[in-house]
All heavy atoms as atom14 arrays in JSON, in Angstrom:
{
  "sequence": "LTGDRLTVADITAFAGFAFADFAGIETPTHLK",
  "atom14_mask": [
    [1, 1, 1, 1, 1, 1, 1, 1, 0, 0, 0, 0, 0, 0],
    [1, 1, 1, 1, 1, 1, 1, 0, 0, 0, 0, 0, 0, 0],
    [1, 1, 1, 1, 0, 0, 0, 0, 0, 0, 0, 0, 0, 0],
    [1, 1, 1, 1, 1, 1, 1, 1, 0, 0, 0, 0, 0, 0],
    [1, 1, 1, 1, 1, 1, 1, 1, 1, 1, 1, 0, 0, 0],
    [1, 1, 1, 1, 1, 1, 1, 1, 0, 0, 0, 0, 0, 0],
    [1, 1, 1, 1, 1, 1, 1, 0, 0, 0, 0, 0, 0, 0],
    [1, 1, 1, 1, 1, 1, 1, 0, 0, 0, 0, 0, 0, 0],
    [1, 1, 1, 1, 1, 0, 0, 0, 0, 0, 0, 0, 0, 0],
    [1, 1, 1, 1, 1, 1, 1, 1, 0, 0, 0, 0, 0, 0],
    [1, 1, 1, 1, 1, 1, 1, 1, 0, 0, 0, 0, 0, 0],
    [1, 1, 1, 1, 1, 1, 1, 0, 0, 0, 0, 0, 0, 0],
    [1, 1, 1, 1, 1, 0, 0, 0, 0, 0, 0, 0, 0, 0],
    [1, 1, 1, 1, 1, 1, 1, 1, 1, 1, 1, 0, 0, 0],
    [1, 1, 1, 1, 1, 0, 0, 0, 0, 0, 0, 0, 0, 0],
    [1, 1, 1, 1, 0, 0, 0, 0, 0, 0, 0, 0, 0, 0],
    [1, 1, 1, 1, 1, 1, 1, 1, 1, 1, 1, 0, 0, 0],
    [1, 1, 1, 1, 1, 0, 0, 0, 0, 0, 0, 0, 0, 0],
    [1, 1, 1, 1, 1, 1, 1, 1, 1, 1, 1, 0, 0, 0],
    [1, 1, 1, 1, 1, 0, 0, 0, 0, 0, 0, 0, 0, 0],
    [1, 1, 1, 1, 1, 1, 1, 1, 0, 0, 0, 0, 0, 0],
    [1, 1, 1, 1, 1, 1, 1, 1, 1, 1, 1, 0, 0, 0],
    [1, 1, 1, 1, 1, 0, 0, 0, 0, 0, 0, 0, 0, 0],
    [1, 1, 1, 1, 0, 0, 0, 0, 0, 0, 0, 0, 0, 0],
    [1, 1, 1, 1, 1, 1, 1, 1, 0, 0, 0, 0, 0, 0],
    [1, 1, 1, 1, 1, 1, 1, 1, 1, 0, 0, 0, 0, 0],
    [1, 1, 1, 1, 1, 1, 1, 0, 0, 0, 0, 0, 0, 0],
    [1, 1, 1, 1, 1, 1, 1, 0, 0, 0, 0, 0, 0, 0],
    [1, 1, 1, 1, 1, 1, 1, 0, 0, 0, 0, 0, 0, 0],
    [1, 1, 1, 1, 1, 1, 1, 1, 1, 1, 0, 0, 0, 0],
    [1, 1, 1, 1, 1, 1, 1, 1, 0, 0, 0, 0, 0, 0],
    [1, 1, 1, 1, 1, 1, 1, 1, 1, 0, 0, 0, 0, 0]
  ],
  "atom14_positions": [
    [[0.85, -1.24, -0.01], [0.0, -0.04, -0.03], [0.82, 1.31, -0.02], [0.34, 2.3, -0.47], [-0.98, -0.01, 1.21], [-2.23, -0.91, 1.07], [-2.95, -1.04, 2.4], [-3.09, -0.46, -0.03], [0.0, 0.0, 0.0], [0.0, 0.0, 0.0], [0.0, 0.0, 0.0], [0.0, 0.0, 0.0], [0.0, 0.0, 0.0], [0.0, 0.0, 0.0]],
    [[1.99, 1.27, 0.52], [2.82, 2.49, 0.54], [4.14, 2.34, -0.2], [4.96, 3.26, -0.23], [3.17, 2.89, 2.01], [3.95, 1.85, 2.62], [1.83, 3.13, 2.78], [0.0, 0.0, 0.0], [0.0, 0.0, 0.0], [0.0, 0.0, 0.0], [0.0, 0.0, 0.0], [0.0, 0.0, 0.0], [0.0, 0.0, 0.0], [0.0, 0.0, 0.0]],
    [[4.38, 1.2, -0.95], [5.58, 1.09, -1.67], [5.96, -0.34, -1.91], [5.06, -1.2, -2.2], [0.0, 0.0, 0.0], [0.0, 0.0, 0.0], [0.0, 0.0, 0.0], [0.0, 0.0, 0.0], [0.0, 0.0, 0.0], [0.0, 0.0, 0.0], [0.0, 0.0, 0.0], [0.0, 0.0, 0.0], [0.0, 0.0, 0.0], [0.0, 0.0, 0.0]],
    [[7.23, -0.63, -1.89], [7.73, -1.97, -2.23], [7.88, -2.91, -1.09], [8.41, -3.97, -1.27], [9.07, -1.8, -3.0], [10.2, -1.14, -2.11], [9.86, -0.81, -0.96], [11.31, -1.0, -2.62], [0.0, 0.0, 0.0], [0.0, 0.0, 0.0], [0.0, 0.0, 0.0], [0.0, 0.0, 0.0], [0.0, 0.0, 0.0], [0.0, 0.0, 0.0]],
    [[7.45, -2.51, 0.13], [7.52, -3.41, 1.27], [6.35, -3.31, 2.16], [5.65, -2.24, 2.17], [8.81, -3.17, 2.07], [8.95, -1.78, 2.61], [10.31, -1.58, 3.23], [10.43, -0.17, 3.78], [9.93, 0.29, 4.92], [9.26, -0.55, 5.72], [10.09, 1.51, 5.22], [0.0, 0.0, 0.0], [0.0, 0.0, 0.0], [0.0, 0.0, 0.0]],
    [[6.07, -4.37, 2.98], [4.93, -4.39, 3.86], [5.15, -3.37, 4.99], [6.26, -3.2, 5.5], [4.77, -5.7, 4.36], [3.69, -5.94, 5.44], [2.91, -7.24, 5.17], [4.31, -5.95, 6.88], [0.0, 0.0, 0.0], [0.0, 0.0, 0.0], [0.0, 0.0, 0.0], [0.0, 0.0, 0.0], [0.0, 0.0, 0.0], [0.0, 0.0, 0.0]],
    [[4.05, -2.72, 5.36], [4.05, -1.77, 6.51], [2.79, -2.03, 7.39], [1.99, -2.89, 7.06], [4.08, -0.31, 6.13], [2.78, 0.0, 5.5], [5.17, -0.07, 5.1], [0.0, 0.0, 0.0], [0.0, 0.0, 0.0], [0.0, 0.0, 0.0], [0.0, 0.0, 0.0], [0.0, 0.0, 0.0], [0.0, 0.0, 0.0], [0.0, 0.0, 0.0]],
    [[2.65, -1.26, 8.42], [1.46, -1.43, 9.26], [0.19, -1.22, 8.54], [-0.85, -1.65, 8.88], [1.49, -0.52, 10.54], [2.57, -0.95, 11.47], [1.69, 0.95, 10.14], [0.0, 0.0, 0.0], [0.0, 0.0, 0.0], [0.0, 0.0, 0.0], [0.0, 0.0, 0.0], [0.0, 0.0, 0.0], [0.0, 0.0, 0.0], [0.0, 0.0, 0.0]],
    [[0.23, -0.38, 7.44], [-0.91, -0.19, 6.58], [-1.38, -1.46, 6.0], [-2.7, -1.73, 5.97], [-0.67, 0.9, 5.52], [0.0, 0.0, 0.0], [0.0, 0.0, 0.0], [0.0, 0.0, 0.0], [0.0, 0.0, 0.0], [0.0, 0.0, 0.0], [0.0, 0.0, 0.0], [0.0, 0.0, 0.0], [0.0, 0.0, 0.0], [0.0, 0.0, 0.0]],
    [[-0.51, -2.33, 5.51], [-0.9, -3.56, 4.9], [-1.43, -4.52, 5.99], [-2.34, -5.32, 5.75], [0.34, -4.19, 4.26], [0.82, -3.35, 3.1], [0.15, -3.33, 2.03], [1.83, -2.69, 3.26], [0.0, 0.0, 0.0], [0.0, 0.0, 0.0], [0.0, 0.0, 0.0], [0.0, 0.0, 0.0], [0.0, 0.0, 0.0], [0.0, 0.0, 0.0]],
    [[-0.79, -4.48, 7.2], [-1.27, -5.32, 8.3], [-2.73, -5.03, 8.67], [-3.51, -5.84, 8.8], [-0.31, -5.14, 9.5], [0.99, -5.84, 9.24], [-0.92, -5.71, 10.75], [2.07, -5.65, 10.25], [0.0, 0.0, 0.0], [0.0, 0.0, 0.0], [0.0, 0.0, 0.0], [0.0, 0.0, 0.0], [0.0, 0.0, 0.0], [0.0, 0.0, 0.0]],
    [[-3.03, -3.72, 8.76], [-4.38, -3.32, 9.13], [-5.32, -3.71, 7.93], [-6.47, -4.15, 8.28], [-4.4, -1.78, 9.3], [-3.58, -1.46, 10.44], [-5.84, -1.29, 9.62], [0.0, 0.0, 0.0], [0.0, 0.0, 0.0], [0.0, 0.0, 0.0], [0.0, 0.0, 0.0], [0.0, 0.0, 0.0], [0.0, 0.0, 0.0], [0.0, 0.0, 0.0]],
    [[-4.9, -3.52, 6.76], [-5.75, -3.89, 5.6], [-6.05, -5.45, 5.59], [-7.19, -5.89, 5.32], [-5.06, -3.51, 4.32], [0.0, 0.0, 0.0], [0.0, 0.0, 0.0], [0.0, 0.0, 0.0], [0.0, 0.0, 0.0], [0.0, 0.0, 0.0], [0.0, 0.0, 0.0], [0.0, 0.0, 0.0], [0.0, 0.0, 0.0], [0.0, 0.0, 0.0]],
    [[-5.05, -6.21, 5.88], [-5.25, -7.67, 5.89], [-6.27, -8.04, 6.94], [-7.23, -8.85, 6.68], [-3.9, -8.35, 6.24], [-4.04, -9.87, 6.3], [-3.98, -10.67, 5.12], [-4.26, -10.55, 7.52], [-4.11, -12.01, 5.23], [-4.4, -11.84, 7.54], [-4.34, -12.66, 6.39], [0.0, 0.0, 0.0], [0.0, 0.0, 0.0], [0.0, 0.0, 0.0]],
    [[-6.16, -7.44, 8.14], [-7.17, -7.71, 9.18], [-8.55, -7.24, 8.76], [-9.6, -7.85, 9.02], [-6.79, -7.05, 10.53], [0.0, 0.0, 0.0], [0.0, 0.0, 0.0], [0.0, 0.0, 0.0], [0.0, 0.0, 0.0], [0.0, 0.0, 0.0], [0.0, 0.0, 0.0], [0.0, 0.0, 0.0], [0.0, 0.0, 0.0], [0.0, 0.0, 0.0]],
    [[-8.57, -6.11, 8.02], [-9.85, -5.57, 7.52], [-10.54, -6.47, 6.53], [-11.8, -6.66, 6.63], [0.0, 0.0, 0.0], [0.0, 0.0, 0.0], [0.0, 0.0, 0.0], [0.0, 0.0, 0.0], [0.0, 0.0, 0.0], [0.0, 0.0, 0.0], [0.0, 0.0, 0.0], [0.0, 0.0, 0.0], [0.0, 0.0, 0.0], [0.0, 0.0, 0.0]],
    [[-9.76, -6.99, 5.55], [-10.36, -7.88, 4.58], [-10.78, -9.2, 5.2], [-11.88, -9.73, 4.84], [-9.35, -8.1, 3.5], [-9.38, -7.06, 2.41], [-8.29, -6.15, 2.3], [-10.44, -6.9, 1.53], [-8.27, -5.17, 1.28], [-10.41, -5.89, 0.58], [-9.35, -5.02, 0.43], [0.0, 0.0, 0.0], [0.0, 0.0, 0.0], [0.0, 0.0, 0.0]],
    [[-10.04, -9.68, 6.18], [-10.48, -10.93, 6.83], [-11.74, -10.7, 7.61], [-12.65, -11.58, 7.56], [-9.33, -11.38, 7.83], [0.0, 0.0, 0.0], [0.0, 0.0, 0.0], [0.0, 0.0, 0.0], [0.0, 0.0, 0.0], [0.0, 0.0, 0.0], [0.0, 0.0, 0.0], [0.0, 0.0, 0.0], [0.0, 0.0, 0.0], [0.0, 0.0, 0.0]],
    [[-11.91, -9.49, 8.28], [-13.15, -9.2, 8.94], [-14.28, -9.07, 7.95], [-15.41, -9.5, 8.23], [-12.94, -7.95, 9.74], [-13.94, -7.67, 10.8], [-14.99, -8.56, 11.07], [-13.94, -6.5, 11.54], [-15.97, -8.36, 12.06], [-14.85, -6.22, 12.58], [-15.89, -7.14, 12.73], [0.0, 0.0, 0.0], [0.0, 0.0, 0.0], [0.0, 0.0, 0.0]],
    [[-14.0, -8.49, 6.8], [-15.02, -8.26, 5.76], [-15.56, -9.69, 5.31], [-16.78, -9.88, 5.15], [-14.5, -7.44, 4.58], [0.0, 0.0, 0.0], [0.0, 0.0, 0.0], [0.0, 0.0, 0.0], [0.0, 0.0, 0.0], [0.0, 0.0, 0.0], [0.0, 0.0, 0.0], [0.0, 0.0, 0.0], [0.0, 0.0, 0.0], [0.0, 0.0, 0.0]],
    [[-14.63, -10.53, 5.08], [-15.03, -11.95, 4.68], [-15.94, -12.57, 5.7], [-16.96, -13.13, 5.36], [-13.81, -12.81, 4.49], [-13.01, -12.42, 3.25], [-13.5, -11.68, 2.36], [-11.79, -12.81, 3.19], [0.0, 0.0, 0.0], [0.0, 0.0, 0.0], [0.0, 0.0, 0.0], [0.0, 0.0, 0.0], [0.0, 0.0, 0.0], [0.0, 0.0, 0.0]],
    [[-15.55, -12.37, 7.04], [-16.38, -12.96, 8.1], [-17.73, -12.35, 8.24], [-18.73, -12.96, 8.44], [-15.58, -12.82, 9.44], [-16.28, -13.3, 10.59], [-16.28, -14.64, 10.88], [-16.97, -12.47, 11.46], [-16.98, -15.15, 12.01], [-17.68, -12.93, 12.58], [-17.68, -14.29, 12.84], [0.0, 0.0, 0.0], [0.0, 0.0, 0.0], [0.0, 0.0, 0.0]],
    [[-17.78, -10.99, 7.94], [-18.99, -10.28, 8.02], [-19.89, -10.41, 6.81], [-20.99, -9.89, 6.78], [-18.74, -8.78, 8.26], [0.0, 0.0, 0.0], [0.0, 0.0, 0.0], [0.0, 0.0, 0.0], [0.0, 0.0, 0.0], [0.0, 0.0, 0.0], [0.0, 0.0, 0.0], [0.0, 0.0, 0.0], [0.0, 0.0, 0.0], [0.0, 0.0, 0.0]],
    [[-19.43, -11.1, 5.79], [-20.21, -11.32, 4.55], [-20.12, -10.21, 3.56], [-20.99, -10.07, 2.7], [0.0, 0.0, 0.0], [0.0, 0.0, 0.0], [0.0, 0.0, 0.0], [0.0, 0.0, 0.0], [0.0, 0.0, 0.0], [0.0, 0.0, 0.0], [0.0, 0.0, 0.0], [0.0, 0.0, 0.0], [0.0, 0.0, 0.0], [0.0, 0.0, 0.0]],
    [[-19.13, -9.37, 3.63], [-18.84, -8.32, 2.65], [-17.85, -8.8, 1.66], [-16.58, -8.9, 2.01], [-18.38, -7.02, 3.29], [-19.4, -6.52, 4.37], [-18.09, -5.96, 2.27], [-18.94, -5.28, 5.11], [0.0, 0.0, 0.0], [0.0, 0.0, 0.0], [0.0, 0.0, 0.0], [0.0, 0.0, 0.0], [0.0, 0.0, 0.0], [0.0, 0.0, 0.0]],
    [[-18.22, -9.12, 0.47], [-17.35, -9.7, -0.55], [-16.56, -8.62, -1.14], [-17.06, -7.49, -1.45], [-18.16, -10.45, -1.6], [-18.9, -11.72, -1.05], [-19.62, -12.47, -2.21], [-19.46, -12.03, -3.31], [-20.34, -13.39, -1.91], [0.0, 0.0, 0.0], [0.0, 0.0, 0.0], [0.0, 0.0, 0.0], [0.0, 0.0, 0.0], [0.0, 0.0, 0.0]],
    [[-15.31, -8.91, -1.41], [-14.47, -8.03, -2.2], [-14.88, -8.04, -3.7], [-14.88, -9.14, -4.24], [-12.99, -8.44, -2.01], [-12.62, -8.47, -0.72], [-12.06, -7.38, -2.81], [0.0, 0.0, 0.0], [0.0, 0.0, 0.0], [0.0, 0.0, 0.0], [0.0, 0.0, 0.0], [0.0, 0.0, 0.0], [0.0, 0.0, 0.0], [0.0, 0.0, 0.0]],
    [[-15.16, -6.93, -4.22], [-15.59, -6.89, -5.66], [-14.55, -7.61, -6.55], [-13.32, -7.35, -6.41], [-15.72, -5.43, -5.99], [-16.01, -4.8, -4.65], [-15.27, -5.57, -3.64], [0.0, 0.0, 0.0], [0.0, 0.0, 0.0], [0.0, 0.0, 0.0], [0.0, 0.0, 0.0], [0.0, 0.0, 0.0], [0.0, 0.0, 0.0], [0.0, 0.0, 0.0]],
    [[-14.98, -8.46, -7.41], [-14.07, -9.23, -8.24], [-13.25, -8.39, -9.23], [-12.22, -8.87, -9.7], [-14.89, -10.33, -9.06], [-15.88, -9.7, -9.85], [-15.54, -11.28, -8.14], [0.0, 0.0, 0.0], [0.0, 0.0, 0.0], [0.0, 0.0, 0.0], [0.0, 0.0, 0.0], [0.0, 0.0, 0.0], [0.0, 0.0, 0.0], [0.0, 0.0, 0.0]],
    [[-13.77, -7.23, -9.54], [-13.02, -6.4, -10.51], [-11.79, -5.72, -9.87], [-10.97, -5.08, -10.55], [-13.9, -5.32, -11.15], [-14.37, -4.26, -10.22], [-15.46, -4.43, -9.42], [-13.82, -3.05, -9.89], [-15.7, -3.34, -8.69], [-14.71, -2.47, -8.97], [0.0, 0.0, 0.0], [0.0, 0.0, 0.0], [0.0, 0.0, 0.0], [0.0, 0.0, 0.0]],
    [[-11.63, -5.83, -8.58], [-10.46, -5.19, -7.91], [-9.22, -6.11, -8.07], [-8.85, -6.77, -7.06], [-10.77, -4.87, -6.5], [-11.97, -3.94, -6.25], [-12.17, -3.65, -4.74], [-11.78, -2.6, -7.02], [0.0, 0.0, 0.0], [0.0, 0.0, 0.0], [0.0, 0.0, 0.0], [0.0, 0.0, 0.0], [0.0, 0.0, 0.0], [0.0, 0.0, 0.0]],
    [[-8.69, -6.23, -9.21], [-7.63, -7.22, -9.53], [-6.32, -6.89, -8.78], [-5.58, -7.77, -8.35], [-7.31, -7.17, -11.05], [-8.51, -7.47, -11.93], [-9.1, -8.85, -11.6], [-10.23, -9.19, -12.59], [-10.86, -10.45, -12.26], [0.0, 0.0, 0.0], [0.0, 0.0, 0.0], [0.0, 0.0, 0.0], [0.0, 0.0, 0.0], [0.0, 0.0, 0.0]]
  ]
}
């Protein structure tokens, strides 16, 4: 999210997407 290496922003995003999956919010398929 901020460049060529992982940061806390990516960590937060990973947790966010995992929570979205659990809550039934699907990631749109066009977001390649």
